[in-house]
PDB file of all heavy atoms in Angstrom:
ATOM      1  N   LEU A   1     -10.414 -28.871   4.072  1.00  0.00           N
ATOM      2  CA  LEU A   1     -10.618 -27.626   3.331  1.00  0.00           C
ATOM      3  C   LEU A   1     -11.056 -26.498   4.279  1.00  0.00           C
ATOM      4  O   LEU A   1     -10.606 -25.356   4.148  1.00  0.00           O
ATOM      5  CB  LEU A   1     -11.660 -27.830   2.236  1.00  0.00           C
ATOM      6  CG  LEU A   1     -11.233 -28.719   1.059  1.00  0.00           C
ATOM      7  CD1 LEU A   1     -12.408 -28.955   0.119  1.00  0.00           C
ATOM      8  CD2 LEU A   1     -10.074 -28.083   0.288  1.00  0.00           C
ATOM      9  N   ASP A   2     -11.944 -26.821   5.228  1.00  0.00           N
ATOM     10  CA  ASP A   2     -12.382 -25.813   6.204  1.00  0.00           C
ATOM     11  C   ASP A   2     -11.213 -25.339   7.062  1.00  0.00           C
ATOM     12  O   ASP A   2     -11.079 -24.133   7.340  1.00  0.00           O
ATOM     13  CB  ASP A   2     -13.487 -26.382   7.096  1.00  0.00           C
ATOM     14  CG  ASP A   2     -14.802 -26.545   6.365  1.00  0.00           C
ATOM     15  OD1 ASP A   2     -14.979 -25.903   5.308  1.00  0.00           O
ATOM     16  OD2 ASP A   2     -15.655 -27.327   6.842  1.00  0.00           O
ATOM     17  N   VAL A   3     -10.381 -26.280   7.489  1.00  0.00           N
ATOM     18  CA  VAL A   3      -9.217 -25.921   8.312  1.00  0.00           C
ATOM     19  C   VAL A   3      -8.271 -25.027   7.516  1.00  0.00           C
ATOM     20  O   VAL A   3      -7.778 -24.006   8.028  1.00  0.00           O
ATOM     21  CB  VAL A   3      -8.497 -27.186   8.799  1.00  0.00           C
ATOM     22  CG1 VAL A   3      -7.141 -26.834   9.407  1.00  0.00           C
ATOM     23  CG2 VAL A   3      -9.344 -27.932   9.827  1.00  0.00           C
ATOM     24  N   ALA A   4      -8.027 -25.393   6.256  1.00  0.00           N
ATOM     25  CA  ALA A   4      -7.133 -24.583   5.417  1.00  0.00           C
ATOM     26  C   ALA A   4      -7.702 -23.177   5.219  1.00  0.00           C
ATOM     27  O   ALA A   4      -6.962 -22.183   5.269  1.00  0.00           O
ATOM     28  CB  ALA A   4      -6.939 -25.267   4.067  1.00  0.00           C
ATOM     29  N   ARG A   5      -9.021 -23.089   5.020  1.00  0.00           N
ATOM     30  CA  ARG A   5      -9.646 -21.775   4.851  1.00  0.00           C
ATOM     31  C   ARG A   5      -9.503 -20.926   6.121  1.00  0.00           C
ATOM     32  O   ARG A   5      -9.175 -19.744   6.051  1.00  0.00           O
ATOM     33  CB  ARG A   5     -11.115 -21.944   4.493  1.00  0.00           C
ATOM     34  CG  ARG A   5     -11.910 -20.634   4.465  1.00  0.00           C
ATOM     35  CD  ARG A   5     -13.362 -20.897   4.116  1.00  0.00           C
ATOM     36  NE  ARG A   5     -13.972 -21.887   4.990  1.00  0.00           N
ATOM     37  CZ  ARG A   5     -14.422 -21.632   6.199  1.00  0.00           C
ATOM     38  NH1 ARG A   5     -14.294 -20.412   6.715  1.00  0.00           N
ATOM     39  NH2 ARG A   5     -14.975 -22.585   6.935  1.00  0.00           N
ATOM     40  N   GLU A   6      -9.743 -21.544   7.281  1.00  0.00           N
ATOM     41  CA  GLU A   6      -9.660 -20.798   8.532  1.00  0.00           C
ATOM     42  C   GLU A   6      -8.231 -20.335   8.817  1.00  0.00           C
ATOM     43  O   GLU A   6      -8.020 -19.227   9.318  1.00  0.00           O
ATOM     44  CB  GLU A   6     -10.179 -21.661   9.677  1.00  0.00           C
ATOM     45  CG  GLU A   6     -11.682 -21.915   9.611  1.00  0.00           C
ATOM     46  CD  GLU A   6     -12.167 -22.855  10.689  1.00  0.00           C
ATOM     47  OE1 GLU A   6     -11.389 -23.122  11.614  1.00  0.00           O
ATOM     48  OE2 GLU A   6     -13.320 -23.320  10.594  1.00  0.00           O
ATOM     49  N   VAL A   7      -7.261 -21.176   8.497  1.00  0.00           N
ATOM     50  CA  VAL A   7      -5.858 -20.787   8.699  1.00  0.00           C
ATOM     51  C   VAL A   7      -5.506 -19.604   7.797  1.00  0.00           C
ATOM     52  O   VAL A   7      -4.870 -18.633   8.226  1.00  0.00           O
ATOM     53  CB  VAL A   7      -4.921 -21.976   8.433  1.00  0.00           C
ATOM     54  CG1 VAL A   7      -3.460 -21.517   8.405  1.00  0.00           C
ATOM     55  CG2 VAL A   7      -5.105 -23.045   9.499  1.00  0.00           C
ATOM     56  N   GLU A   8      -5.942 -19.674   6.539  1.00  0.00           N
ATOM     57  CA  GLU A   8      -5.644 -18.594   5.600  1.00  0.00           C
ATOM     58  C   GLU A   8      -6.332 -17.300   6.019  1.00  0.00           C
ATOM     59  O   GLU A   8      -5.738 -16.216   5.962  1.00  0.00           O
ATOM     60  CB  GLU A   8      -6.088 -19.002   4.191  1.00  0.00           C
ATOM     61  CG  GLU A   8      -5.623 -18.063   3.097  1.00  0.00           C
ATOM     62  CD  GLU A   8      -4.115 -18.009   2.963  1.00  0.00           C
ATOM     63  OE1 GLU A   8      -3.453 -19.028   3.243  1.00  0.00           O
ATOM     64  OE2 GLU A   8      -3.602 -16.939   2.584  1.00  0.00           O
ATOM     65  N   GLN A   9      -7.595 -17.400   6.450  1.00  0.00           N
ATOM     66  CA  GLN A   9      -8.315 -16.210   6.900  1.00  0.00           C
ATOM     67  C   GLN A   9      -7.654 -15.604   8.139  1.00  0.00           C
ATOM     68  O   GLN A   9      -7.548 -14.375   8.251  1.00  0.00           O
ATOM     69  CB  GLN A   9      -9.773 -16.560   7.201  1.00  0.00           C
ATOM     70  CG  GLN A   9     -10.622 -16.801   5.961  1.00  0.00           C
ATOM     71  CD  GLN A   9     -12.050 -17.165   6.302  1.00  0.00           C
ATOM     72  OE1 GLN A   9     -12.350 -17.548   7.433  1.00  0.00           O
ATOM     73  NE2 GLN A   9     -12.938 -17.073   5.328  1.00  0.00           N
ATOM     74  N   ALA A  10      -7.230 -16.457   9.062  1.00  0.00           N
ATOM     75  CA  ALA A  10      -6.583 -15.965  10.279  1.00  0.00           C
ATOM     76  C   ALA A  10      -5.289 -15.230   9.946  1.00  0.00           C
ATOM     77  O   ALA A  10      -4.998 -14.164  10.520  1.00  0.00           O
ATOM     78  CB  ALA A  10      -6.310 -17.123  11.238  1.00  0.00           C
ATOM     79  N   GLN A  11      -4.514 -15.772   9.024  1.00  0.00           N
ATOM     80  CA  GLN A  11      -3.281 -15.086   8.609  1.00  0.00           C
ATOM     81  C   GLN A  11      -3.589 -13.741   7.950  1.00  0.00           C
ATOM     82  O   GLN A  11      -2.919 -12.737   8.219  1.00  0.00           O
ATOM     83  CB  GLN A  11      -2.494 -15.962   7.637  1.00  0.00           C
ATOM     84  CG  GLN A  11      -1.899 -17.212   8.259  1.00  0.00           C
ATOM     85  CD  GLN A  11      -1.117 -18.028   7.238  1.00  0.00           C
ATOM     86  OE1 GLN A  11       0.052 -17.765   6.975  1.00  0.00           O
ATOM     87  NE2 GLN A  11      -1.766 -19.017   6.644  1.00  0.00           N
ATOM     88  N   SER A  12      -4.624 -13.712   7.109  1.00  0.00           N
ATOM     89  CA  SER A  12      -5.004 -12.459   6.447  1.00  0.00           C
ATOM     90  C   SER A  12      -5.432 -11.418   7.463  1.00  0.00           C
ATOM     91  O   SER A  12      -5.098 -10.229   7.333  1.00  0.00           O
ATOM     92  CB  SER A  12      -6.134 -12.720   5.440  1.00  0.00           C
ATOM     93  OG  SER A  12      -5.700 -13.585   4.405  1.00  0.00           O
ATOM     94  N   ASN A  13      -6.160 -11.847   8.500  1.00  0.00           N
ATOM     95  CA  ASN A  13      -6.599 -10.906   9.538  1.00  0.00           C
ATOM     96  C   ASN A  13      -5.413 -10.357  10.327  1.00  0.00           C
ATOM     97  O   ASN A  13      -5.415  -9.185  10.718  1.00  0.00           O
ATOM     98  CB  ASN A  13      -7.590 -11.583  10.475  1.00  0.00           C
ATOM     99  CG  ASN A  13      -8.929 -11.851   9.804  1.00  0.00           C
ATOM    100  OD1 ASN A  13      -9.298 -11.172   8.844  1.00  0.00           O
ATOM    101  ND2 ASN A  13      -9.658 -12.833  10.298  1.00  0.00           N
ATOM    102  N   VAL A  14      -4.417 -11.197  10.569  1.00  0.00           N
ATOM    103  CA  VAL A  14      -3.212 -10.721  11.261  1.00  0.00           C
ATOM    104  C   VAL A  14      -2.496  -9.675  10.413  1.00  0.00           C
ATOM    105  O   VAL A  14      -2.102  -8.607  10.911  1.00  0.00           O
ATOM    106  CB  VAL A  14      -2.260 -11.901  11.567  1.00  0.00           C
ATOM    107  CG1 VAL A  14      -0.909 -11.392  12.068  1.00  0.00           C
ATOM    108  CG2 VAL A  14      -2.873 -12.824  12.610  1.00  0.00           C
ATOM    109  N   ILE A  15      -2.341  -9.957   9.119  1.00  0.00           N
ATOM    110  CA  ILE A  15      -1.658  -9.018   8.230  1.00  0.00           C
ATOM    111  C   ILE A  15      -2.445  -7.711   8.127  1.00  0.00           C
ATOM    112  O   ILE A  15      -1.877  -6.610   8.156  1.00  0.00           O
ATOM    113  CB  ILE A  15      -1.463  -9.647   6.841  1.00  0.00           C
ATOM    114  CG1 ILE A  15      -0.500 -10.850   6.937  1.00  0.00           C
ATOM    115  CG2 ILE A  15      -0.928  -8.632   5.851  1.00  0.00           C
ATOM    116  CD1 ILE A  15      -0.409 -11.662   5.664  1.00  0.00           C
ATOM    117  N   ASP A  16      -3.779  -7.824   8.021  1.00  0.00           N
ATOM    118  CA  ASP A  16      -4.627  -6.634   7.927  1.00  0.00           C
ATOM    119  C   ASP A  16      -4.476  -5.751   9.170  1.00  0.00           C
ATOM    120  O   ASP A  16      -4.290  -4.531   9.064  1.00  0.00           O
ATOM    121  CB  ASP A  16      -6.080  -7.060   7.756  1.00  0.00           C
ATOM    122  CG  ASP A  16      -7.041  -5.887   7.833  1.00  0.00           C
ATOM    123  OD1 ASP A  16      -7.142  -5.127   6.855  1.00  0.00           O
ATOM    124  OD2 ASP A  16      -7.710  -5.738   8.879  1.00  0.00           O
ATOM    125  N   ALA A  17      -4.549  -6.360  10.351  1.00  0.00           N
ATOM    126  CA  ALA A  17      -4.413  -5.590  11.584  1.00  0.00           C
ATOM    127  C   ALA A  17      -3.018  -4.988  11.702  1.00  0.00           C
ATOM    128  O   ALA A  17      -2.845  -3.850  12.178  1.00  0.00           O
ATOM    129  CB  ALA A  17      -4.707  -6.485  12.791  1.00  0.00           C
ATOM    130  N   GLU A  18      -2.022  -5.740  11.258  1.00  0.00           N
ATOM    131  CA  GLU A  18      -0.639  -5.258  11.292  1.00  0.00           C
ATOM    132  C   GLU A  18      -0.491  -3.991  10.450  1.00  0.00           C
ATOM    133  O   GLU A  18       0.105  -2.992  10.891  1.00  0.00           O
ATOM    134  CB  GLU A  18       0.275  -6.361  10.754  1.00  0.00           C
ATOM    135  CG  GLU A  18       1.703  -6.304  11.208  1.00  0.00           C
ATOM    136  CD  GLU A  18       2.449  -7.558  10.805  1.00  0.00           C
ATOM    137  OE1 GLU A  18       2.051  -8.203   9.808  1.00  0.00           O
ATOM    138  OE2 GLU A  18       3.418  -7.901  11.480  1.00  0.00           O
ATOM    139  N   GLU A  19      -1.054  -4.009   9.258  1.00  0.00           N
ATOM    140  CA  GLU A  19      -0.965  -2.846   8.369  1.00  0.00           C
ATOM    141  C   GLU A  19      -1.759  -1.664   8.922  1.00  0.00           C
ATOM    142  O   GLU A  19      -1.333  -0.507   8.802  1.00  0.00           O
ATOM    143  CB  GLU A  19      -1.445  -3.227   6.970  1.00  0.00           C
ATOM    144  CG  GLU A  19      -0.531  -4.231   6.269  1.00  0.00           C
ATOM    145  CD  GLU A  19      -1.099  -4.703   4.946  1.00  0.00           C
ATOM    146  OE1 GLU A  19      -2.301  -4.424   4.679  1.00  0.00           O
ATOM    147  OE2 GLU A  19      -0.358  -5.336   4.167  1.00  0.00           O
ATOM    148  N   ARG A  20      -2.904  -1.939   9.533  1.00  0.00           N
ATOM    149  CA  ARG A  20      -3.711  -0.856  10.106  1.00  0.00           C
ATOM    150  C   ARG A  20      -3.005  -0.212  11.306  1.00  0.00           C
ATOM    151  O   ARG A  20      -3.160   0.984  11.539  1.00  0.00           O
ATOM    152  CB  ARG A  20      -5.089  -1.379  10.507  1.00  0.00           C
ATOM    153  CG  ARG A  20      -5.999  -1.611   9.310  1.00  0.00           C
ATOM    154  CD  ARG A  20      -7.438  -1.833   9.701  1.00  0.00           C
ATOM    155  NE  ARG A  20      -7.653  -3.131  10.314  1.00  0.00           N
ATOM    156  CZ  ARG A  20      -8.044  -3.314  11.556  1.00  0.00           C
ATOM    157  NH1 ARG A  20      -8.252  -2.279  12.359  1.00  0.00           N
ATOM    158  NH2 ARG A  20      -8.243  -4.535  12.034  1.00  0.00           N
ATOM    159  N   ILE A  21      -2.271  -1.012  12.069  1.00  0.00           N
ATOM    160  CA  ILE A  21      -1.513  -0.448  13.195  1.00  0.00           C
ATOM    161  C   ILE A  21      -0.502   0.573  12.685  1.00  0.00           C
ATOM    162  O   ILE A  21      -0.384   1.691  13.210  1.00  0.00           O
ATOM    163  CB  ILE A  21      -0.805  -1.564  13.984  1.00  0.00           C
ATOM    164  CG1 ILE A  21      -1.822  -2.394  14.771  1.00  0.00           C
ATOM    165  CG2 ILE A  21       0.230  -0.976  14.932  1.00  0.00           C
ATOM    166  CD1 ILE A  21      -1.233  -3.624  15.414  1.00  0.00           C
ATOM    167  N   GLN A  22       0.235   0.189  11.661  1.00  0.00           N
ATOM    168  CA  GLN A  22       1.264   1.084  11.124  1.00  0.00           C
ATOM    169  C   GLN A  22       0.642   2.361  10.578  1.00  0.00           C
ATOM    170  O   GLN A  22       1.146   3.469  10.810  1.00  0.00           O
ATOM    171  CB  GLN A  22       2.054   0.347  10.045  1.00  0.00           C
ATOM    172  CG  GLN A  22       2.820  -0.855  10.582  1.00  0.00           C
ATOM    173  CD  GLN A  22       3.420  -1.718   9.490  1.00  0.00           C
ATOM    174  OE1 GLN A  22       3.285  -1.406   8.312  1.00  0.00           O
ATOM    175  NE2 GLN A  22       4.076  -2.800   9.872  1.00  0.00           N
ATOM    176  N   ALA A  23      -0.487   2.215   9.844  1.00  0.00           N
ATOM    177  CA  ALA A  23      -1.153   3.404   9.309  1.00  0.00           C
ATOM    178  C   ALA A  23      -1.723   4.267  10.432  1.00  0.00           C
ATOM    179  O   ALA A  23      -1.656   5.508  10.374  1.00  0.00           O
ATOM    180  CB  ALA A  23      -2.259   2.986   8.338  1.00  0.00           C
ATOM    181  N   ALA A  24      -2.288   3.637  11.456  1.00  0.00           N
ATOM    182  CA  ALA A  24      -2.893   4.389  12.566  1.00  0.00           C
ATOM    183  C   ALA A  24      -1.837   5.147  13.354  1.00  0.00           C
ATOM    184  O   ALA A  24      -2.078   6.274  13.820  1.00  0.00           O
ATOM    185  CB  ALA A  24      -3.660   3.441  13.485  1.00  0.00           C
ATOM    186  N   GLN A  25      -0.666   4.563  13.519  1.00  0.00           N
ATOM    187  CA  GLN A  25       0.387   5.248  14.260  1.00  0.00           C
ATOM    188  C   GLN A  25       0.851   6.516  13.535  1.00  0.00           C
ATOM    189  O   GLN A  25       1.125   7.544  14.164  1.00  0.00           O
ATOM    190  CB  GLN A  25       1.559   4.295  14.491  1.00  0.00           C
ATOM    191  CG  GLN A  25       1.240   3.200  15.512  1.00  0.00           C
ATOM    192  CD  GLN A  25       2.332   2.165  15.652  1.00  0.00           C
ATOM    193  OE1 GLN A  25       3.210   2.045  14.774  1.00  0.00           O
ATOM    194  NE2 GLN A  25       2.307   1.403  16.735  1.00  0.00           N
ATOM    195  N   VAL A  26       0.899   6.439  12.214  1.00  0.00           N
ATOM    196  CA  VAL A  26       1.235   7.633  11.431  1.00  0.00           C
ATOM    197  C   VAL A  26       0.138   8.680  11.585  1.00  0.00           C
ATOM    198  O   VAL A  26       0.407   9.882  11.743  1.00  0.00           O
ATOM    199  CB  VAL A  26       1.431   7.267   9.947  1.00  0.00           C
ATOM    200  CG1 VAL A  26       1.615   8.523   9.100  1.00  0.00           C
ATOM    201  CG2 VAL A  26       2.641   6.349   9.784  1.00  0.00           C
ATOM    202  N   ALA A  27      -1.125   8.221  11.551  1.00  0.00           N
ATOM    203  CA  ALA A  27      -2.245   9.152  11.696  1.00  0.00           C
ATOM    204  C   ALA A  27      -2.253   9.820  13.062  1.00  0.00           C
ATOM    205  O   ALA A  27      -2.563  11.017  13.176  1.00  0.00           O
ATOM    206  CB  ALA A  27      -3.566   8.406  11.466  1.00  0.00           C
ATOM    207  N   VAL A  28      -1.915   9.073  14.108  1.00  0.00           N
ATOM    208  CA  VAL A  28      -1.872   9.650  15.454  1.00  0.00           C
ATOM    209  C   VAL A  28      -0.799  10.732  15.528  1.00  0.00           C
ATOM    210  O   VAL A  28      -1.034  11.831  16.083  1.00  0.00           O
ATOM    211  CB  VAL A  28      -1.602   8.559  16.507  1.00  0.00           C
ATOM    212  CG1 VAL A  28      -1.255   9.179  17.853  1.00  0.00           C
ATOM    213  CG2 VAL A  28      -2.824   7.672  16.655  1.00  0.00           C
TER     214      VAL A  28
END
């Protein structure tokens, strides 16, 4: 369960950073 949680959190963090990159590039 801990491994599954960490994998899911890691994927969410990748998606979050990915979306912030796109928004930041527009802002720049």
